[in-house]
Amino acid sequence: MLIVNKLLPQGQGLAPVLLKRASHVELDWDVRQKSRFDATDSQGRTLGIFLPRGTLVRGGDVLVAEDGSMVRVVAAPQPVLVITPCSEHGTPFDLVRAAYHLGNRHVQIELQPDHLKIEPDHVLADMLRAMHLTVREAAVAFEPEGGAYASGGHGHDHAPATNPPHGAPGHVHGPGCGHDHSHDHSHAHTAAPVNRGKPIGIAVKAAEAPPHVHGPGCGHGHDH
Protein backbone atom coordinates (compact mmCIF):
# COMPACT_ATOMS: atom_id res chain seq x y z
CA MET A 1 0.00 0.00 0.00
CA LEU A 2 1.26 3.45 -0.94
CA ILE A 3 0.74 5.93 1.90
CA VAL A 4 -0.51 9.41 0.97
CA ASN A 5 -0.40 12.15 3.60
CA LYS A 6 -0.19 15.38 1.60
CA LEU A 7 -2.61 17.23 -0.66
CA LEU A 8 -1.92 20.08 -3.10
CA PRO A 9 -5.17 21.98 -3.78
CA GLN A 10 -5.70 22.08 -7.55
CA GLY A 11 -2.06 21.08 -8.03
CA GLN A 12 -0.85 24.54 -7.08
CA GLY A 13 2.77 25.17 -8.00
CA LEU A 14 3.14 22.06 -10.15
CA ALA A 15 4.25 22.22 -13.76
CA PRO A 16 1.65 20.97 -16.27
CA VAL A 17 4.09 18.33 -17.54
CA LEU A 18 4.25 16.79 -14.05
CA LEU A 19 0.47 16.68 -13.78
CA LYS A 20 0.24 15.05 -17.20
CA ARG A 21 2.59 12.26 -16.13
CA ALA A 22 0.83 11.62 -12.82
CA SER A 23 -1.61 8.79 -12.34
CA HIS A 24 -5.20 9.60 -11.39
CA VAL A 25 -7.92 8.28 -9.14
CA GLU A 26 -11.69 8.73 -9.57
CA LEU A 27 -13.57 9.35 -6.35
CA ASP A 28 -17.17 10.32 -5.65
CA TRP A 29 -18.16 12.86 -3.02
CA ASP A 30 -18.98 10.25 -0.39
CA VAL A 31 -15.28 9.29 -0.38
CA ARG A 32 -13.77 12.74 -1.02
CA GLN A 33 -15.37 14.26 2.07
CA LYS A 34 -13.37 11.85 4.22
CA SER A 35 -9.81 12.45 5.32
CA ARG A 36 -8.90 8.77 5.65
CA PHE A 37 -9.76 6.17 3.02
CA ASP A 38 -8.30 3.60 0.64
CA ALA A 39 -8.39 3.85 -3.14
CA THR A 40 -6.85 2.39 -6.28
CA ASP A 41 -5.23 4.67 -8.85
CA SER A 42 -5.07 4.33 -12.64
CA GLN A 43 -1.82 2.35 -12.35
CA GLY A 44 -3.47 -0.25 -10.14
CA ARG A 45 -1.67 0.86 -6.97
CA THR A 46 -3.49 0.69 -3.65
CA LEU A 47 -3.44 4.05 -1.89
CA GLY A 48 -3.84 4.59 1.82
CA ILE A 49 -4.88 8.23 2.26
CA PHE A 50 -4.22 9.81 5.67
CA LEU A 51 -4.90 13.55 5.52
CA PRO A 52 -5.48 16.07 8.34
CA ARG A 53 -8.94 15.64 9.80
CA GLY A 54 -11.52 17.88 8.19
CA THR A 55 -9.74 17.98 4.82
CA LEU A 56 -12.06 17.89 1.80
CA VAL A 57 -10.64 16.39 -1.38
CA ARG A 58 -11.82 18.15 -4.54
CA GLY A 59 -11.65 17.21 -8.18
CA GLY A 60 -8.40 18.67 -9.55
CA ASP A 61 -6.49 18.26 -6.28
CA VAL A 62 -3.23 16.34 -6.29
CA LEU A 63 -2.34 13.72 -3.69
CA VAL A 64 1.34 13.32 -2.86
CA ALA A 65 2.59 9.94 -1.62
CA GLU A 66 5.46 9.35 0.80
CA ASP A 67 7.69 8.26 -2.09
CA GLY A 68 7.07 11.58 -3.87
CA SER A 69 4.75 10.22 -6.53
CA MET A 70 1.65 12.25 -7.36
CA VAL A 71 -1.94 11.23 -8.06
CA ARG A 72 -4.51 13.55 -9.65
CA VAL A 73 -8.00 13.43 -8.18
CA VAL A 74 -10.91 13.22 -10.61
CA ALA A 75 -14.43 13.86 -9.29
CA ALA A 76 -16.33 10.77 -10.39
CA PRO A 77 -19.81 11.24 -11.91
CA GLN A 78 -22.55 10.31 -9.47
CA PRO A 79 -26.36 10.58 -9.24
CA VAL A 80 -27.52 14.10 -8.31
CA LEU A 81 -30.56 16.32 -8.59
CA VAL A 82 -30.03 19.46 -10.70
CA ILE A 83 -32.26 22.37 -9.63
CA THR A 84 -33.04 25.29 -11.95
CA PRO A 85 -35.63 28.08 -12.01
CA CYS A 86 -38.83 27.44 -13.95
CA SER A 87 -38.21 28.48 -17.55
CA GLU A 88 -41.70 30.00 -17.89
CA HIS A 89 -42.25 32.11 -14.79
CA GLY A 90 -39.23 31.56 -12.54
CA THR A 91 -36.39 33.93 -11.66
CA PRO A 92 -32.78 33.42 -10.50
CA PHE A 93 -33.92 34.51 -7.03
CA ASP A 94 -35.82 31.22 -6.77
CA LEU A 95 -32.44 29.51 -6.41
CA VAL A 96 -31.66 31.71 -3.41
CA ARG A 97 -34.93 30.66 -1.77
CA ALA A 98 -34.21 27.02 -2.54
CA ALA A 99 -30.68 27.23 -1.09
CA TYR A 100 -32.09 28.85 2.05
CA HIS A 101 -34.64 26.09 2.64
CA LEU A 102 -32.17 23.33 1.82
CA GLY A 103 -29.59 24.90 4.12
CA ASN A 104 -32.12 24.92 6.96
CA ARG A 105 -32.30 21.16 6.51
CA HIS A 106 -28.49 20.85 6.56
CA VAL A 107 -28.45 19.53 3.00
CA GLN A 108 -25.14 19.55 1.16
CA ILE A 109 -25.48 21.83 -1.87
CA GLU A 110 -23.32 22.62 -4.85
CA LEU A 111 -23.90 26.29 -5.69
CA GLN A 112 -23.65 27.47 -9.28
CA PRO A 113 -24.77 30.79 -10.81
CA ASP A 114 -27.61 29.17 -12.75
CA HIS A 115 -28.37 25.96 -10.83
CA LEU A 116 -27.99 23.97 -7.61
CA LYS A 117 -27.05 20.34 -7.15
CA ILE A 118 -27.95 18.04 -4.26
CA GLU A 119 -27.78 14.30 -3.69
CA PRO A 120 -30.96 12.39 -4.65
CA ASP A 121 -33.86 12.76 -2.19
CA HIS A 122 -37.45 12.37 -3.42
CA VAL A 123 -38.91 14.28 -0.46
CA LEU A 124 -36.70 17.29 -1.16
CA ALA A 125 -37.41 17.00 -4.88
CA ASP A 126 -41.17 17.24 -4.19
CA MET A 127 -40.62 20.24 -1.91
CA LEU A 128 -38.60 22.04 -4.57
CA ARG A 129 -41.13 21.32 -7.30
CA ALA A 130 -43.85 22.72 -5.03
CA MET A 131 -41.75 25.92 -4.94
CA HIS A 132 -42.06 26.03 -8.77
CA LEU A 133 -38.48 24.96 -9.39
CA THR A 134 -37.39 22.47 -12.04
CA VAL A 135 -35.70 19.33 -10.69
CA ARG A 136 -34.06 16.73 -12.91
CA GLU A 137 -31.83 13.72 -12.33
CA ALA A 138 -28.29 13.60 -13.70
CA ALA A 139 -25.01 11.73 -13.29
CA VAL A 140 -22.25 14.32 -12.97
CA ALA A 141 -19.46 15.38 -10.61
CA PHE A 142 -20.70 16.74 -7.26
CA GLU A 143 -18.74 19.50 -5.47
CA PRO A 144 -20.87 20.85 -2.59
CA GLU A 145 -19.93 23.81 -0.44
CA GLY A 146 -17.60 22.85 2.39
CA GLY A 147 -18.72 25.48 4.90
CA ALA A 148 -17.07 28.71 6.00
CA TYR A 149 -14.53 27.01 8.25
CA ALA A 150 -13.92 23.82 6.30
CA SER A 151 -10.25 23.00 5.84
CA GLY A 152 -8.66 21.82 2.66
CA GLY A 153 -6.82 24.89 1.46
CA HIS A 154 -9.37 26.14 -1.07
CA GLY A 155 -10.21 29.50 0.53
CA HIS A 156 -8.71 32.94 0.03
CA ASP A 157 -5.71 33.91 2.11
CA HIS A 158 -6.74 36.52 4.68
CA ALA A 159 -4.19 35.54 7.30
CA PRO A 160 -3.80 38.05 10.14
CA ALA A 161 -0.45 39.52 11.18
CA THR A 162 -0.09 36.97 13.96
CA ASN A 163 -1.14 33.34 14.07
CA PRO A 164 -4.45 32.80 15.92
CA PRO A 165 -4.73 30.20 18.68
CA HIS A 166 -5.35 26.65 17.57
CA GLY A 167 -8.97 26.21 16.53
CA ALA A 168 -9.71 29.95 16.29
CA PRO A 169 -11.01 31.41 13.01
CA GLY A 170 -8.15 32.93 11.08
CA HIS A 171 -9.96 36.04 9.80
CA VAL A 172 -12.65 37.87 11.78
CA HIS A 173 -13.90 41.39 11.11
CA GLY A 174 -14.91 43.39 14.15
CA PRO A 175 -13.58 45.61 16.91
CA GLY A 176 -9.87 45.10 17.31
CA CYS A 177 -9.51 43.08 14.10
CA GLY A 178 -6.72 45.36 12.95
CA HIS A 179 -8.30 46.17 9.58
CA ASP A 180 -9.28 49.62 8.41
CA HIS A 181 -13.09 49.81 8.47
CA SER A 182 -13.27 53.55 9.13
CA HIS A 183 -16.00 55.58 7.45
CA ASP A 184 -15.76 59.30 6.72
CA HIS A 185 -18.69 61.00 8.40
CA SER A 186 -17.17 64.51 8.26
CA HIS A 187 -19.35 67.33 6.91
CA ALA A 188 -18.28 69.79 4.28
CA HIS A 189 -18.23 72.68 6.75
CA THR A 190 -15.87 72.78 9.69
CA ALA A 191 -17.30 72.67 13.19
CA ALA A 192 -16.59 75.53 15.57
CA PRO A 193 -13.22 75.16 17.30
CA VAL A 194 -13.21 73.64 20.74
CA ASN A 195 -12.46 76.23 23.41
CA ARG A 196 -10.28 74.02 25.61
CA GLY A 197 -8.89 76.99 27.61
CA LYS A 198 -12.20 78.15 29.10
CA PRO A 199 -14.03 76.66 32.08
CA ILE A 200 -17.11 74.56 31.38
CA GLY A 201 -20.21 76.72 30.99
CA ILE A 202 -18.54 79.72 29.31
CA ALA A 203 -19.74 80.05 25.72
CA VAL A 204 -17.42 80.69 22.80
CA LYS A 205 -17.64 84.24 21.52
CA ALA A 206 -19.21 84.83 18.15
CA ALA A 207 -15.90 86.15 16.83
CA GLU A 208 -14.26 82.77 17.55
CA ALA A 209 -16.90 80.80 15.56
CA PRO A 210 -17.89 82.51 12.32
CA PRO A 211 -21.59 82.24 11.48
CA HIS A 212 -22.75 79.64 8.98
CA VAL A 213 -23.60 81.27 5.66
CA HIS A 214 -25.46 79.49 2.86
CA GLY A 215 -24.24 80.31 -0.59
CA PRO A 216 -22.03 79.08 -3.45
CA GLY A 217 -19.47 76.61 -2.25
CA CYS A 218 -21.03 76.08 1.18
CA GLY A 219 -21.18 72.34 0.54
CA HIS A 220 -24.90 71.87 1.22
CA GLY A 221 -27.51 70.82 -1.29
CA HIS A 222 -30.14 73.46 -2.05
CA ASP A 223 -31.86 71.77 -4.97
CA HIS A 224 -35.55 72.58 -5.26
C-alpha atoms as a PDB file:
ATOM      1  CA  MET A   1       0.000   0.000   0.000  1.00  0.00           C
ATOM      2  CA  LEU A   2       1.265   3.455  -0.936  1.00  0.00           C
ATOM      3  CA  ILE A   3       0.741   5.933   1.895  1.00  0.00           C
ATOM      4  CA  VAL A   4      -0.513   9.414   0.969  1.00  0.00           C
ATOM      5  CA  ASN A   5      -0.399  12.155   3.597  1.00  0.00           C
ATOM      6  CA  LYS A   6      -0.191  15.384   1.599  1.00  0.00           C
ATOM      7  CA  LEU A   7      -2.615  17.232  -0.664  1.00  0.00           C
ATOM      8  CA  LEU A   8      -1.923  20.080  -3.103  1.00  0.00           C
ATOM      9  CA  PRO A   9      -5.170  21.978  -3.777  1.00  0.00           C
ATOM     10  CA  GLN A  10      -5.699  22.075  -7.553  1.00  0.00           C
ATOM     11  CA  GLY A  11      -2.057  21.076  -8.027  1.00  0.00           C
ATOM     12  CA  GLN A  12      -0.852  24.542  -7.076  1.00  0.00           C
ATOM     13  CA  GLY A  13       2.772  25.169  -8.001  1.00  0.00           C
ATOM     14  CA  LEU A  14       3.141  22.059 -10.151  1.00  0.00           C
ATOM     15  CA  ALA A  15       4.246  22.225 -13.764  1.00  0.00           C
ATOM     16  CA  PRO A  16       1.646  20.966 -16.273  1.00  0.00           C
ATOM     17  CA  VAL A  17       4.088  18.331 -17.536  1.00  0.00           C
ATOM     18  CA  LEU A  18       4.249  16.787 -14.049  1.00  0.00           C
ATOM     19  CA  LEU A  19       0.466  16.682 -13.782  1.00  0.00           C
ATOM     20  CA  LYS A  20       0.238  15.049 -17.202  1.00  0.00           C
ATOM     21  CA  ARG A  21       2.591  12.262 -16.125  1.00  0.00           C
ATOM     22  CA  ALA A  22       0.829  11.623 -12.818  1.00  0.00           C
ATOM     23  CA  SER A  23      -1.613   8.787 -12.344  1.00  0.00           C
ATOM     24  CA  HIS A  24      -5.199   9.602 -11.392  1.00  0.00           C
ATOM     25  CA  VAL A  25      -7.923   8.284  -9.142  1.00  0.00           C
ATOM     26  CA  GLU A  26     -11.688   8.733  -9.573  1.00  0.00           C
ATOM     27  CA  LEU A  27     -13.574   9.355  -6.346  1.00  0.00           C
ATOM     28  CA  ASP A  28     -17.173  10.321  -5.651  1.00  0.00           C
ATOM     29  CA  TRP A  29     -18.158  12.862  -3.024  1.00  0.00           C
ATOM     30  CA  ASP A  30     -18.978  10.249  -0.393  1.00  0.00           C
ATOM     31  CA  VAL A  31     -15.277   9.292  -0.378  1.00  0.00           C
ATOM     32  CA  ARG A  32     -13.767  12.736  -1.021  1.00  0.00           C
ATOM     33  CA  GLN A  33     -15.365  14.264   2.068  1.00  0.00           C
ATOM     34  CA  LYS A  34     -13.375  11.845   4.223  1.00  0.00           C
ATOM     35  CA  SER A  35      -9.809  12.453   5.323  1.00  0.00           C
ATOM     36  CA  ARG A  36      -8.900   8.770   5.654  1.00  0.00           C
ATOM     37  CA  PHE A  37      -9.757   6.174   3.020  1.00  0.00           C
ATOM     38  CA  ASP A  38      -8.304   3.597   0.638  1.00  0.00           C
ATOM     39  CA  ALA A  39      -8.395   3.854  -3.143  1.00  0.00           C
ATOM     40  CA  THR A  40      -6.846   2.386  -6.283  1.00  0.00           C
ATOM     41  CA  ASP A  41      -5.227   4.675  -8.850  1.00  0.00           C
ATOM     42  CA  SER A  42      -5.075   4.328 -12.635  1.00  0.00           C
ATOM     43  CA  GLN A  43      -1.815   2.351 -12.354  1.00  0.00           C
ATOM     44  CA  GLY A  44      -3.469  -0.254 -10.135  1.00  0.00           C
ATOM     45  CA  ARG A  45      -1.671   0.864  -6.969  1.00  0.00           C
ATOM     46  CA  THR A  46      -3.494   0.687  -3.650  1.00  0.00           C
ATOM     47  CA  LEU A  47      -3.438   4.051  -1.887  1.00  0.00           C
ATOM     48  CA  GLY A  48      -3.840   4.595   1.824  1.00  0.00           C
ATOM     49  CA  ILE A  49      -4.883   8.232   2.257  1.00  0.00           C
ATOM     50  CA  PHE A  50      -4.224   9.806   5.668  1.00  0.00           C
ATOM     51  CA  LEU A  51      -4.899  13.552   5.519  1.00  0.00           C
ATOM     52  CA  PRO A  52      -5.479  16.069   8.336  1.00  0.00           C
ATOM     53  CA  ARG A  53      -8.941  15.636   9.803  1.00  0.00           C
ATOM     54  CA  GLY A  54     -11.523  17.882   8.187  1.00  0.00           C
ATOM     55  CA  THR A  55      -9.743  17.976   4.823  1.00  0.00           C
ATOM     56  CA  LEU A  56     -12.059  17.889   1.804  1.00  0.00           C
ATOM     57  CA  VAL A  57     -10.640  16.387  -1.383  1.00  0.00           C
ATOM     58  CA  ARG A  58     -11.817  18.155  -4.540  1.00  0.00           C
ATOM     59  CA  GLY A  59     -11.646  17.209  -8.185  1.00  0.00           C
ATOM     60  CA  GLY A  60      -8.399  18.668  -9.548  1.00  0.00           C
ATOM     61  CA  ASP A  61      -6.487  18.256  -6.278  1.00  0.00           C
ATOM     62  CA  VAL A  62      -3.225  16.342  -6.292  1.00  0.00           C
ATOM     63  CA  LEU A  63      -2.343  13.717  -3.687  1.00  0.00           C
ATOM     64  CA  VAL A  64       1.343  13.315  -2.856  1.00  0.00           C
ATOM     65  CA  ALA A  65       2.591   9.942  -1.616  1.00  0.00           C
ATOM     66  CA  GLU A  66       5.464   9.354   0.795  1.00  0.00           C
ATOM     67  CA  ASP A  67       7.691   8.259  -2.091  1.00  0.00           C
ATOM     68  CA  GLY A  68       7.068  11.582  -3.868  1.00  0.00           C
ATOM     69  CA  SER A  69       4.750  10.223  -6.535  1.00  0.00           C
ATOM     70  CA  MET A  70       1.651  12.250  -7.364  1.00  0.00           C
ATOM     71  CA  VAL A  71      -1.941  11.228  -8.056  1.00  0.00           C
ATOM     72  CA  ARG A  72      -4.506  13.546  -9.651  1.00  0.00           C
ATOM     73  CA  VAL A  73      -7.998  13.434  -8.180  1.00  0.00           C
ATOM     74  CA  VAL A  74     -10.911  13.220 -10.613  1.00  0.00           C
ATOM     75  CA  ALA A  75     -14.426  13.857  -9.290  1.00  0.00           C
ATOM     76  CA  ALA A  76     -16.327  10.773 -10.390  1.00  0.00           C
ATOM     77  CA  PRO A  77     -19.806  11.236 -11.915  1.00  0.00           C
ATOM     78  CA  GLN A  78     -22.554  10.307  -9.468  1.00  0.00           C
ATOM     79  CA  PRO A  79     -26.357  10.584  -9.236  1.00  0.00           C
ATOM     80  CA  VAL A  80     -27.515  14.096  -8.312  1.00  0.00           C
ATOM     81  CA  LEU A  81     -30.558  16.325  -8.592  1.00  0.00           C
ATOM     82  CA  VAL A  82     -30.032  19.460 -10.699  1.00  0.00           C
ATOM     83  CA  ILE A  83     -32.264  22.365  -9.629  1.00  0.00           C
ATOM     84  CA  THR A  84     -33.037  25.291 -11.954  1.00  0.00           C
ATOM     85  CA  PRO A  85     -35.631  28.083 -12.009  1.00  0.00           C
ATOM     86  CA  CYS A  86     -38.825  27.441 -13.947  1.00  0.00           C
ATOM     87  CA  SER A  87     -38.209  28.476 -17.550  1.00  0.00           C
ATOM     88  CA  GLU A  88     -41.701  29.999 -17.894  1.00  0.00           C
ATOM     89  CA  HIS A  89     -42.246  32.107 -14.786  1.00  0.00           C
ATOM     90  CA  GLY A  90     -39.229  31.562 -12.538  1.00  0.00           C
ATOM     91  CA  THR A  91     -36.394  33.931 -11.664  1.00  0.00           C
ATOM     92  CA  PRO A  92     -32.782  33.417 -10.499  1.00  0.00           C
ATOM     93  CA  PHE A  93     -33.923  34.513  -7.026  1.00  0.00           C
ATOM     94  CA  ASP A  94     -35.822  31.217  -6.770  1.00  0.00           C
ATOM     95  CA  LEU A  95     -32.443  29.510  -6.412  1.00  0.00           C
ATOM     96  CA  VAL A  96     -31.660  31.715  -3.406  1.00  0.00           C
ATOM     97  CA  ARG A  97     -34.931  30.661  -1.769  1.00  0.00           C
ATOM     98  CA  ALA A  98     -34.213  27.019  -2.544  1.00  0.00           C
ATOM     99  CA  ALA A  99     -30.684  27.231  -1.092  1.00  0.00           C
ATOM    100  CA  TYR A 100     -32.092  28.848   2.050  1.00  0.00           C
ATOM    101  CA  HIS A 101     -34.642  26.090   2.638  1.00  0.00           C
ATOM    102  CA  LEU A 102     -32.168  23.327   1.824  1.00  0.00           C
ATOM    103  CA  GLY A 103     -29.586  24.900   4.122  1.00  0.00           C
ATOM    104  CA  ASN A 104     -32.119  24.923   6.960  1.00  0.00           C
ATOM    105  CA  ARG A 105     -32.300  21.158   6.507  1.00  0.00           C
ATOM    106  CA  HIS A 106     -28.490  20.847   6.563  1.00  0.00           C
ATOM    107  CA  VAL A 107     -28.445  19.530   3.004  1.00  0.00           C
ATOM    108  CA  GLN A 108     -25.135  19.555   1.161  1.00  0.00           C
ATOM    109  CA  ILE A 109     -25.476  21.828  -1.871  1.00  0.00           C
ATOM    110  CA  GLU A 110     -23.318  22.621  -4.847  1.00  0.00           C
ATOM    111  CA  LEU A 111     -23.899  26.289  -5.689  1.00  0.00           C
ATOM    112  CA  GLN A 112     -23.649  27.474  -9.280  1.00  0.00           C
ATOM    113  CA  PRO A 113     -24.774  30.794 -10.813  1.00  0.00           C
ATOM    114  CA  ASP A 114     -27.612  29.174 -12.752  1.00  0.00           C
ATOM    115  CA  HIS A 115     -28.369  25.962 -10.828  1.00  0.00           C
ATOM    116  CA  LEU A 116     -27.988  23.974  -7.615  1.00  0.00           C
ATOM    117  CA  LYS A 117     -27.048  20.341  -7.150  1.00  0.00           C
ATOM    118  CA  ILE A 118     -27.948  18.040  -4.257  1.00  0.00           C
ATOM    119  CA  GLU A 119     -27.784  14.305  -3.694  1.00  0.00           C
ATOM    120  CA  PRO A 120     -30.960  12.391  -4.647  1.00  0.00           C
ATOM    121  CA  ASP A 121     -33.864  12.758  -2.195  1.00  0.00           C
ATOM    122  CA  HIS A 122     -37.446  12.369  -3.423  1.00  0.00           C
ATOM    123  CA  VAL A 123     -38.913  14.284  -0.462  1.00  0.00           C
ATOM    124  CA  LEU A 124     -36.701  17.289  -1.155  1.00  0.00           C
ATOM    125  CA  ALA A 125     -37.411  16.998  -4.878  1.00  0.00           C
ATOM    126  CA  ASP A 126     -41.166  17.236  -4.194  1.00  0.00           C
ATOM    127  CA  MET A 127     -40.624  20.238  -1.907  1.00  0.00           C
ATOM    128  CA  LEU A 128     -38.598  22.039  -4.570  1.00  0.00           C
ATOM    129  CA  ARG A 129     -41.127  21.317  -7.305  1.00  0.00           C
ATOM    130  CA  ALA A 130     -43.850  22.719  -5.033  1.00  0.00           C
ATOM    131  CA  MET A 131     -41.751  25.915  -4.939  1.00  0.00           C
ATOM    132  CA  HIS A 132     -42.059  26.029  -8.768  1.00  0.00           C
ATOM    133  CA  LEU A 133     -38.479  24.955  -9.388  1.00  0.00           C
ATOM    134  CA  THR A 134     -37.393  22.473 -12.036  1.00  0.00           C
ATOM    135  CA  VAL A 135     -35.704  19.329 -10.689  1.00  0.00           C
ATOM    136  CA  ARG A 136     -34.057  16.728 -12.910  1.00  0.00           C
ATOM    137  CA  GLU A 137     -31.833  13.721 -12.330  1.00  0.00           C
ATOM    138  CA  ALA A 138     -28.293  13.595 -13.704  1.00  0.00           C
ATOM    139  CA  ALA A 139     -25.006  11.729 -13.292  1.00  0.00           C
ATOM    140  CA  VAL A 140     -22.248  14.316 -12.975  1.00  0.00           C
ATOM    141  CA  ALA A 141     -19.460  15.381 -10.612  1.00  0.00           C
ATOM    142  CA  PHE A 142     -20.697  16.743  -7.261  1.00  0.00           C
ATOM    143  CA  GLU A 143     -18.743  19.498  -5.471  1.00  0.00           C
ATOM    144  CA  PRO A 144     -20.875  20.853  -2.591  1.00  0.00           C
ATOM    145  CA  GLU A 145     -19.934  23.807  -0.436  1.00  0.00           C
ATOM    146  CA  GLY A 146     -17.605  22.855   2.386  1.00  0.00           C
ATOM    147  CA  GLY A 147     -18.719  25.476   4.905  1.00  0.00           C
ATOM    148  CA  ALA A 148     -17.074  28.711   5.996  1.00  0.00           C
ATOM    149  CA  TYR A 149     -14.526  27.012   8.254  1.00  0.00           C
ATOM    150  CA  ALA A 150     -13.918  23.819   6.296  1.00  0.00           C
ATOM    151  CA  SER A 151     -10.251  22.997   5.845  1.00  0.00           C
ATOM    152  CA  GLY A 152      -8.661  21.820   2.660  1.00  0.00           C
ATOM    153  CA  GLY A 153      -6.824  24.892   1.459  1.00  0.00           C
ATOM    154  CA  HIS A 154      -9.375  26.143  -1.071  1.00  0.00           C
ATOM    155  CA  GLY A 155     -10.211  29.497   0.527  1.00  0.00           C
ATOM    156  CA  HIS A 156      -8.715  32.938   0.033  1.00  0.00           C
ATOM    157  CA  ASP A 157      -5.714  33.906   2.109  1.00  0.00           C
ATOM    158  CA  HIS A 158      -6.740  36.523   4.677  1.00  0.00           C
ATOM    159  CA  ALA A 159      -4.192  35.537   7.298  1.00  0.00           C
ATOM    160  CA  PRO A 160      -3.803  38.049  10.140  1.00  0.00           C
ATOM    161  CA  ALA A 161      -0.455  39.517  11.179  1.00  0.00           C
ATOM    162  CA  THR A 162      -0.089  36.970  13.961  1.00  0.00           C
ATOM    163  CA  ASN A 163      -1.139  33.342  14.069  1.00  0.00           C
ATOM    164  CA  PRO A 164      -4.450  32.802  15.916  1.00  0.00           C
ATOM    165  CA  PRO A 165      -4.725  30.202  18.682  1.00  0.00           C
ATOM    166  CA  HIS A 166      -5.348  26.646  17.575  1.00  0.00           C
ATOM    167  CA  GLY A 167      -8.968  26.210  16.533  1.00  0.00           C
ATOM    168  CA  ALA A 168      -9.714  29.945  16.293  1.00  0.00           C
ATOM    169  CA  PRO A 169     -11.013  31.409  13.009  1.00  0.00           C
ATOM    170  CA  GLY A 170      -8.154  32.933  11.078  1.00  0.00           C
ATOM    171  CA  HIS A 171      -9.955  36.042   9.797  1.00  0.00           C
ATOM    172  CA  VAL A 172     -12.648  37.872  11.779  1.00  0.00           C
ATOM    173  CA  HIS A 173     -13.901  41.385  11.113  1.00  0.00           C
ATOM    174  CA  GLY A 174     -14.912  43.385  14.150  1.00  0.00           C
ATOM    175  CA  PRO A 175     -13.582  45.608  16.915  1.00  0.00           C
ATOM    176  CA  GLY A 176      -9.870  45.095  17.312  1.00  0.00           C
ATOM    177  CA  CYS A 177      -9.512  43.075  14.105  1.00  0.00           C
ATOM    178  CA  GLY A 178      -6.719  45.362  12.949  1.00  0.00           C
ATOM    179  CA  HIS A 179      -8.297  46.174   9.585  1.00  0.00           C
ATOM    180  CA  ASP A 180      -9.280  49.621   8.413  1.00  0.00           C
ATOM    181  CA  HIS A 181     -13.092  49.809   8.466  1.00  0.00           C
ATOM    182  CA  SER A 182     -13.272  53.550   9.126  1.00  0.00           C
ATOM    183  CA  HIS A 183     -15.999  55.584   7.455  1.00  0.00           C
ATOM    184  CA  ASP A 184     -15.765  59.300   6.721  1.00  0.00           C
ATOM    185  CA  HIS A 185     -18.690  61.001   8.399  1.00  0.00           C
ATOM    186  CA  SER A 186     -17.174  64.508   8.255  1.00  0.00           C
ATOM    187  CA  HIS A 187     -19.354  67.335   6.913  1.00  0.00           C
ATOM    188  CA  ALA A 188     -18.284  69.786   4.280  1.00  0.00           C
ATOM    189  CA  HIS A 189     -18.232  72.678   6.750  1.00  0.00           C
ATOM    190  CA  THR A 190     -15.865  72.777   9.694  1.00  0.00           C
ATOM    191  CA  ALA A 191     -17.296  72.673  13.189  1.00  0.00           C
ATOM    192  CA  ALA A 192     -16.590  75.525  15.565  1.00  0.00           C
ATOM    193  CA  PRO A 193     -13.218  75.164  17.298  1.00  0.00           C
ATOM    194  CA  VAL A 194     -13.209  73.636  20.737  1.00  0.00           C
ATOM    195  CA  ASN A 195     -12.465  76.229  23.411  1.00  0.00           C
ATOM    196  CA  ARG A 196     -10.278  74.023  25.611  1.00  0.00           C
ATOM    197  CA  GLY A 197      -8.889  76.986  27.612  1.00  0.00           C
ATOM    198  CA  LYS A 198     -12.205  78.155  29.096  1.00  0.00           C
ATOM    199  CA  PRO A 199     -14.032  76.656  32.077  1.00  0.00           C
ATOM    200  CA  ILE A 200     -17.113  74.561  31.377  1.00  0.00           C
ATOM    201  CA  GLY A 201     -20.207  76.717  30.990  1.00  0.00           C
ATOM    202  CA  ILE A 202     -18.541  79.719  29.307  1.00  0.00           C
ATOM    203  CA  ALA A 203     -19.738  80.054  25.718  1.00  0.00           C
ATOM    204  CA  VAL A 204     -17.425  80.685  22.803  1.00  0.00           C
ATOM    205  CA  LYS A 205     -17.635  84.236  21.525  1.00  0.00           C
ATOM    206  CA  ALA A 206     -19.206  84.826  18.151  1.00  0.00           C
ATOM    207  CA  ALA A 207     -15.903  86.151  16.829  1.00  0.00           C
ATOM    208  CA  GLU A 208     -14.264  82.771  17.550  1.00  0.00           C
ATOM    209  CA  ALA A 209     -16.899  80.802  15.563  1.00  0.00           C
ATOM    210  CA  PRO A 210     -17.895  82.512  12.318  1.00  0.00           C
ATOM    211  CA  PRO A 211     -21.594  82.241  11.477  1.00  0.00           C
ATOM    212  CA  HIS A 212     -22.746  79.639   8.976  1.00  0.00           C
ATOM    213  CA  VAL A 213     -23.599  81.266   5.658  1.00  0.00           C
ATOM    214  CA  HIS A 214     -25.462  79.493   2.863  1.00  0.00           C
ATOM    215  CA  GLY A 215     -24.242  80.309  -0.594  1.00  0.00           C
ATOM    216  CA  PRO A 216     -22.027  79.075  -3.452  1.00  0.00           C
ATOM    217  CA  GLY A 217     -19.465  76.609  -2.252  1.00  0.00           C
ATOM    218  CA  CYS A 218     -21.035  76.083   1.178  1.00  0.00           C
ATOM    219  CA  GLY A 219     -21.182  72.337   0.542  1.00  0.00           C
ATOM    220  CA  HIS A 220     -24.904  71.865   1.223  1.00  0.00           C
ATOM    221  CA  GLY A 221     -27.508  70.817  -1.288  1.00  0.00           C
ATOM    222  CA  HIS A 222     -30.140  73.462  -2.055  1.00  0.00           C
ATOM    223  CA  ASP A 223     -31.861  71.770  -4.973  1.00  0.00           C
ATOM    224  CA  HIS A 224     -35.551  72.581  -5.259  1.00  0.00           C
END
